[in-house]
Amino acid sequence: MSDTADFDVHAHRHRLKQLRDDGGTELYENRDGVACPACGESFSRLFLTRRARTSFPSNDGAPFCLVRTSESICVFRH
C-alpha cells in the first residue's frame, strides 16, 4: 500500500481527464493507468470533494453517502 499523502491530483492532472467540477466536487477519468494510492492498482474514476457530506446516486441499485468527520470517513450504503 502507498502513502495517500503522496497523491497529488495536480501532479497527475495531465494523465487524467476532468469530467466535472462544481466548485465543491471534482470527477476525473483515469486515461493513463494512474495507480490508486491505497492499493496500487489502476483506477477508472477519481472523485474529489471538499465537502464534509456527499451523497452519490444509485448506479447498481443502492445509493450511498459519504461523511467525513475529524476522526474518520464514513460510507453509508442505502
Protein backbone atom coordinates (compact mmCIF):
# COMPACT_ATOMS: atom_id res chain seq x y z
CA MET A 1 0.00 0.00 0.00
CA SER A 2 1.08 3.55 -0.73
CA ASP A 3 1.01 6.60 1.48
CA THR A 4 -2.08 8.57 0.38
CA ALA A 5 -0.40 11.80 1.48
CA ASP A 6 1.87 11.35 -1.56
CA PHE A 7 -1.05 11.52 -4.03
CA ASP A 8 -1.46 14.97 -5.57
CA VAL A 9 -4.12 15.20 -8.27
CA HIS A 10 -2.34 18.18 -9.80
CA ALA A 11 0.82 16.13 -10.28
CA HIS A 12 -1.21 13.60 -12.29
CA ARG A 13 -3.53 16.10 -13.99
CA HIS A 14 -2.00 15.56 -17.45
CA ARG A 15 -2.90 11.86 -17.18
CA LEU A 16 -6.50 12.43 -16.02
CA LYS A 17 -9.49 13.86 -17.88
CA GLN A 18 -11.68 16.13 -15.81
CA LEU A 19 -15.33 15.19 -16.29
CA ARG A 20 -16.96 17.55 -13.78
CA ASP A 21 -16.10 20.38 -11.40
CA ASP A 22 -18.90 22.10 -9.49
CA GLY A 23 -16.70 24.03 -7.09
CA GLY A 24 -17.16 21.56 -4.23
CA THR A 25 -16.54 18.27 -6.01
CA GLU A 26 -14.48 17.11 -8.98
CA LEU A 27 -14.69 13.96 -11.09
CA TYR A 28 -11.83 12.65 -13.24
CA GLU A 29 -11.39 9.76 -15.64
CA ASN A 30 -8.07 7.91 -15.46
CA ARG A 31 -6.85 7.77 -19.05
CA ASP A 32 -3.29 6.66 -18.41
CA GLY A 33 -3.26 3.95 -15.73
CA VAL A 34 -2.54 6.14 -12.70
CA ALA A 35 -2.29 3.88 -9.64
CA CYS A 36 -4.61 4.16 -6.64
CA PRO A 37 -2.64 5.41 -3.62
CA ALA A 38 -4.49 2.96 -1.34
CA CYS A 39 -3.98 -0.34 -3.19
CA GLY A 40 -1.58 0.38 -6.05
CA GLU A 41 -3.99 -0.80 -8.76
CA SER A 42 -5.08 1.41 -11.64
CA PHE A 43 -8.45 3.08 -11.02
CA SER A 44 -11.07 4.15 -13.56
CA ARG A 45 -12.56 7.25 -11.91
CA LEU A 46 -11.44 9.66 -9.20
CA PHE A 47 -13.94 11.67 -7.16
CA LEU A 48 -12.63 14.54 -5.01
CA THR A 49 -14.69 16.53 -2.53
CA ARG A 50 -14.04 19.39 -0.18
CA ARG A 51 -17.46 18.90 1.38
CA ALA A 52 -17.93 17.17 4.72
CA ARG A 53 -21.06 15.37 3.40
CA THR A 54 -21.73 13.99 -0.08
CA SER A 55 -24.45 11.72 -1.48
CA PHE A 56 -23.98 9.50 -4.52
CA PRO A 57 -26.89 8.35 -6.67
CA SER A 58 -27.51 4.69 -7.22
CA ASN A 59 -25.63 3.10 -10.10
CA ASP A 60 -26.06 -0.51 -9.03
CA GLY A 61 -29.31 -0.38 -7.09
CA ALA A 62 -28.04 1.12 -3.83
CA PRO A 63 -27.14 4.80 -3.31
CA PHE A 64 -24.57 5.70 -0.68
CA CYS A 65 -23.47 8.74 1.31
CA LEU A 66 -20.03 9.80 2.46
CA VAL A 67 -19.46 11.76 5.67
CA ARG A 68 -16.02 12.99 6.70
CA THR A 69 -15.52 13.65 10.40
CA SER A 70 -12.42 14.89 12.18
CA GLU A 71 -11.58 11.25 13.03
CA SER A 72 -12.73 9.22 10.04
CA ILE A 73 -14.56 8.89 6.75
CA CYS A 74 -17.92 7.11 6.96
CA VAL A 75 -19.58 5.44 3.97
CA PHE A 76 -23.31 4.80 4.36
CA ARG A 77 -24.81 2.30 1.92
CA HIS A 78 -28.60 2.58 1.49
